[in-house]
N, C-alpha and C. Protein backbone atom coordinates (compact mmCIF):
# COMPACT_ATOMS: atom_id res chain seq x y z
N MET A 1 -10.98 28.72 2.64
CA MET A 1 -10.63 27.46 2.65
C MET A 1 -8.74 27.59 2.88
N LEU A 2 -8.15 26.60 3.28
CA LEU A 2 -6.97 26.22 3.53
C LEU A 2 -6.25 25.88 2.25
N LYS A 3 -5.31 26.09 1.71
CA LYS A 3 -4.51 25.60 0.60
C LYS A 3 -3.30 24.95 0.18
N VAL A 4 -3.20 24.24 -0.26
CA VAL A 4 -1.90 23.24 -0.01
C VAL A 4 -1.19 23.73 -1.24
N GLN A 5 0.20 23.39 -0.99
CA GLN A 5 1.28 23.28 -2.41
C GLN A 5 2.16 22.25 -2.41
N ARG A 6 2.45 21.70 -3.61
CA ARG A 6 3.67 20.73 -3.72
C ARG A 6 4.62 21.37 -4.62
N ALA A 7 5.51 21.62 -4.23
CA ALA A 7 6.53 21.94 -5.41
C ALA A 7 7.29 21.32 -6.33
N ILE A 8 7.26 21.55 -7.23
CA ILE A 8 7.51 20.96 -8.77
C ILE A 8 8.94 20.73 -8.59
N HIS A 9 9.82 20.01 -8.81
CA HIS A 9 11.49 20.28 -9.01
C HIS A 9 11.64 21.10 -10.27
N PRO A 10 12.94 21.64 -10.31
CA PRO A 10 12.64 22.72 -11.57
C PRO A 10 13.41 21.72 -12.71
N SER A 11 13.81 20.47 -12.43
CA SER A 11 14.24 19.53 -13.33
C SER A 11 13.08 19.15 -14.23
N ASP A 12 11.81 19.48 -13.57
CA ASP A 12 11.04 18.98 -14.07
C ASP A 12 10.00 19.97 -15.03
N PHE A 13 10.24 20.95 -15.23
CA PHE A 13 9.43 22.18 -14.96
C PHE A 13 9.29 22.18 -17.19
N SER A 14 10.23 20.95 -17.73
CA SER A 14 9.77 21.32 -19.21
C SER A 14 8.84 20.41 -19.34
N SER A 15 8.47 19.65 -18.03
CA SER A 15 7.49 18.25 -18.63
C SER A 15 5.93 18.88 -18.00
N ILE A 16 5.56 20.57 -18.21
CA ILE A 16 4.67 20.89 -17.28
C ILE A 16 3.68 20.58 -18.42
N PRO A 17 4.45 21.35 -19.29
CA PRO A 17 3.14 21.16 -20.48
C PRO A 17 2.54 19.80 -20.77
N ARG A 18 3.00 18.64 -20.88
CA ARG A 18 2.88 17.76 -21.21
C ARG A 18 1.96 16.98 -19.82
N THR A 19 2.47 17.72 -18.71
CA THR A 19 1.70 17.59 -17.40
C THR A 19 0.09 17.69 -17.53
N ARG A 20 -0.17 18.41 -18.04
CA ARG A 20 -1.10 19.46 -18.17
C ARG A 20 -1.64 18.54 -19.12
N ASP A 21 -1.23 18.19 -20.18
CA ASP A 21 -2.19 17.61 -21.05
C ASP A 21 -2.62 16.34 -20.59
N LEU A 22 -1.76 15.40 -19.74
CA LEU A 22 -1.95 14.15 -19.09
C LEU A 22 -3.56 14.36 -17.92
N ILE A 23 -3.27 15.81 -17.30
CA ILE A 23 -4.41 16.24 -16.50
C ILE A 23 -5.50 16.40 -17.24
N LYS A 24 -5.70 16.86 -18.36
CA LYS A 24 -7.17 17.23 -18.90
C LYS A 24 -7.54 15.93 -19.55
N ARG A 25 -6.76 14.62 -19.75
CA ARG A 25 -7.31 13.50 -19.98
C ARG A 25 -7.67 12.48 -18.97
N LEU A 26 -7.70 13.28 -17.65
CA LEU A 26 -7.90 12.03 -16.51
C LEU A 26 -9.71 12.60 -16.11
N PRO A 27 -9.98 11.42 -15.30
CA PRO A 27 -11.69 11.82 -15.17
C PRO A 27 -11.84 13.01 -14.09
N GLU A 28 -12.73 13.45 -14.04
CA GLU A 28 -12.98 14.64 -13.04
C GLU A 28 -12.20 14.37 -11.51
N ALA A 29 -13.21 13.25 -11.51
CA ALA A 29 -12.83 12.44 -10.24
C ALA A 29 -11.24 12.12 -9.63
N VAL A 30 -10.18 12.21 -10.52
CA VAL A 30 -9.04 12.26 -10.12
C VAL A 30 -8.61 14.10 -9.99
N ARG A 31 -8.77 14.59 -11.26
CA ARG A 31 -8.52 15.73 -11.01
C ARG A 31 -9.55 17.18 -10.27
N VAL A 32 -10.50 16.84 -9.40
CA VAL A 32 -11.44 17.20 -8.53
C VAL A 32 -11.41 16.61 -6.91
N CYS A 33 -10.66 17.27 -6.02
CA CYS A 33 -11.13 16.66 -4.75
C CYS A 33 -12.09 16.44 -4.58
N SER A 34 -12.54 15.14 -4.09
CA SER A 34 -13.85 14.68 -3.63
C SER A 34 -14.55 15.10 -2.04
N GLU A 35 -13.27 15.63 -1.73
CA GLU A 35 -14.17 16.24 -0.41
C GLU A 35 -14.34 17.85 -0.13
N HIS A 36 -13.82 18.54 -0.89
CA HIS A 36 -13.61 20.06 -0.66
C HIS A 36 -14.16 20.21 -2.33
N GLY A 37 -14.35 19.74 -3.46
CA GLY A 37 -14.60 19.73 -4.84
C GLY A 37 -13.75 20.97 -5.12
N GLU A 38 -12.94 20.95 -5.17
CA GLU A 38 -11.67 21.62 -6.07
C GLU A 38 -10.32 20.99 -6.71
N ALA A 39 -10.57 21.78 -8.14
CA ALA A 39 -9.59 20.85 -8.91
C ALA A 39 -7.96 21.09 -8.22
N VAL A 40 -7.19 20.44 -8.75
CA VAL A 40 -5.66 20.79 -8.30
C VAL A 40 -5.30 21.19 -9.49
N ARG A 41 -4.43 22.25 -9.64
CA ARG A 41 -3.78 23.05 -10.65
C ARG A 41 -2.01 22.95 -10.21
N ILE A 42 -1.82 23.36 -11.51
CA ILE A 42 0.32 23.62 -11.57
C ILE A 42 -0.32 24.99 -11.50
N ARG A 43 0.82 25.80 -10.94
CA ARG A 43 0.97 27.17 -10.65
C ARG A 43 2.26 27.60 -10.84
N GLU A 44 2.56 28.67 -11.59
CA GLU A 44 3.96 28.91 -11.74
C GLU A 44 3.99 30.50 -11.21
N SER A 45 5.04 30.30 -10.66
CA SER A 45 5.38 31.82 -9.82
C SER A 45 6.90 32.94 -10.06
N ASP A 46 7.39 33.56 -9.55
CA ASP A 46 8.19 34.07 -10.17
C ASP A 46 8.72 34.59 -10.87
N ILE A 47 7.93 34.64 -12.24
CA ILE A 47 7.81 35.11 -13.18
C ILE A 47 8.63 36.26 -14.28
N SER A 48 9.21 35.32 -14.92
CA SER A 48 10.53 36.47 -15.47
C SER A 48 10.89 36.53 -17.16
N PRO A 49 10.47 37.98 -17.74
CA PRO A 49 10.68 37.91 -19.45
C PRO A 49 11.66 37.65 -20.15
N ASN A 50 13.16 37.55 -18.79
CA ASN A 50 14.31 37.31 -19.66
C ASN A 50 14.72 36.21 -18.86
N THR A 51 14.63 34.75 -19.42
CA THR A 51 14.95 33.67 -18.73
C THR A 51 15.94 32.96 -20.05
N GLY A 52 16.12 33.48 -21.15
CA GLY A 52 16.81 32.87 -22.11
C GLY A 52 16.47 31.83 -22.70
N ALA A 53 16.90 30.32 -22.37
CA ALA A 53 16.43 28.94 -22.92
C ALA A 53 15.60 28.49 -21.72
N GLY A 54 15.70 28.96 -20.17
CA GLY A 54 15.18 28.50 -19.86
C GLY A 54 13.43 28.82 -19.41
N PRO A 55 12.55 28.25 -18.98
CA PRO A 55 11.10 28.55 -18.64
C PRO A 55 10.90 30.05 -17.70
N PRO A 56 9.88 30.67 -18.55
CA PRO A 56 9.58 32.13 -17.82
C PRO A 56 9.02 32.22 -16.83
N PHE A 57 9.32 31.05 -15.34
CA PHE A 57 9.18 31.04 -13.93
C PHE A 57 10.49 30.60 -13.40
N GLY A 58 10.23 30.94 -11.99
CA GLY A 58 11.52 30.52 -11.28
C GLY A 58 11.01 29.43 -10.16
N LYS A 59 9.65 29.39 -10.37
CA LYS A 59 9.36 27.88 -9.56
C LYS A 59 7.57 27.79 -9.82
N ALA A 60 7.12 26.17 -9.52
CA ALA A 60 6.05 25.79 -9.77
C ALA A 60 5.79 24.95 -9.04
N SER A 61 3.96 24.88 -8.75
CA SER A 61 4.29 23.70 -7.74
C SER A 61 2.67 23.12 -8.18
N TYR A 62 2.10 22.12 -7.81
CA TYR A 62 0.85 21.76 -7.40
C TYR A 62 -0.03 22.57 -6.67
N PHE A 63 -1.08 23.15 -6.50
CA PHE A 63 -1.61 23.65 -5.50
C PHE A 63 -3.33 23.45 -5.87
N SER A 64 -3.71 22.99 -4.59
CA SER A 64 -5.02 22.44 -4.34
C SER A 64 -5.68 22.61 -2.38
N CYS A 65 -6.23 22.00 -2.11
CA CYS A 65 -7.40 22.59 -1.19
C CYS A 65 -6.51 21.55 0.01
N CYS A 66 -5.54 20.10 -0.75
CA CYS A 66 -5.66 19.28 0.42
C CYS A 66 -4.89 18.50 -0.15
N ASP A 67 -3.72 17.98 0.83
CA ASP A 67 -2.69 17.36 0.36
C ASP A 67 -2.98 15.65 -0.61
N ALA A 68 -4.32 15.39 -0.15
CA ALA A 68 -4.83 13.53 -0.20
C ALA A 68 -5.27 14.02 -1.76
N ALA A 69 -5.58 15.13 -2.05
CA ALA A 69 -6.07 15.51 -3.77
C ALA A 69 -5.12 15.94 -4.53
N ILE A 70 -3.58 16.64 -4.51
CA ILE A 70 -2.59 16.63 -5.00
C ILE A 70 -1.90 15.05 -4.88
N GLU A 71 -2.20 14.56 -4.09
CA GLU A 71 -1.23 13.13 -4.27
C GLU A 71 -2.24 12.05 -5.05
N LYS A 72 -3.60 12.29 -4.92
CA LYS A 72 -3.97 11.39 -5.78
C LYS A 72 -4.01 11.85 -7.32
N LEU A 73 -4.03 12.93 -7.72
CA LEU A 73 -3.40 13.56 -9.03
C LEU A 73 -2.27 13.04 -9.46
N ILE A 74 -1.11 13.26 -8.61
CA ILE A 74 0.41 12.82 -9.22
C ILE A 74 0.29 11.80 -9.24
N ASN A 75 -0.35 10.65 -8.44
CA ASN A 75 -0.12 9.15 -8.60
C ASN A 75 -1.02 8.77 -9.86
N ALA A 76 -1.83 9.67 -10.16
CA ALA A 76 -2.91 9.02 -11.67
C ALA A 76 -2.14 9.50 -12.82
N ILE A 77 -1.20 10.79 -12.33
CA ILE A 77 0.05 11.24 -13.76
C ILE A 77 0.65 10.38 -13.70
N VAL A 78 0.76 9.73 -12.85
CA VAL A 78 2.11 8.84 -13.04
C VAL A 78 1.73 7.27 -13.96
N ASP A 79 0.67 6.96 -13.72
CA ASP A 79 0.18 5.90 -13.66
C ASP A 79 -0.34 5.87 -15.44
N GLU A 80 -0.74 7.41 -15.71
CA GLU A 80 -1.37 7.55 -17.01
C GLU A 80 -0.27 7.73 -17.96
N ALA A 81 1.14 8.43 -17.43
CA ALA A 81 2.57 8.29 -18.42
C ALA A 81 2.49 6.92 -18.53
N GLN A 82 2.70 5.70 -17.36
CA GLN A 82 3.20 4.79 -17.71
C GLN A 82 2.67 4.01 -18.49
N ARG A 83 1.44 3.78 -18.36
CA ARG A 83 0.39 3.48 -19.39
C ARG A 83 0.74 3.64 -21.12
N LEU A 84 0.93 5.77 -20.94
CA LEU A 84 1.01 5.84 -22.55
C LEU A 84 2.53 5.15 -23.02
N ALA A 85 3.50 4.84 -22.15
CA ALA A 85 4.70 4.35 -22.38
C ALA A 85 4.51 3.06 -23.01
N THR A 86 3.92 2.36 -22.71
CA THR A 86 3.95 0.82 -23.44
C THR A 86 2.91 0.67 -24.33
């Protein structure tokens, strides 16, 4: 199956743990592609043990079976973050 990824900007790397927590709280219907049944995940790459104060990776992205699944999850994350902020 074709895999799709959408890059996460380096300025957002520090929010990845919080984003993962938000994803866990979302319904399965949002976390998993309704067409292909595959979950959207966050993947880090370019792992480096010596990064100083920065994250131990150089790249991160949302990874799944299709753009629609990633877009649906990102929209749900934004909505949930806004809901929690109010």
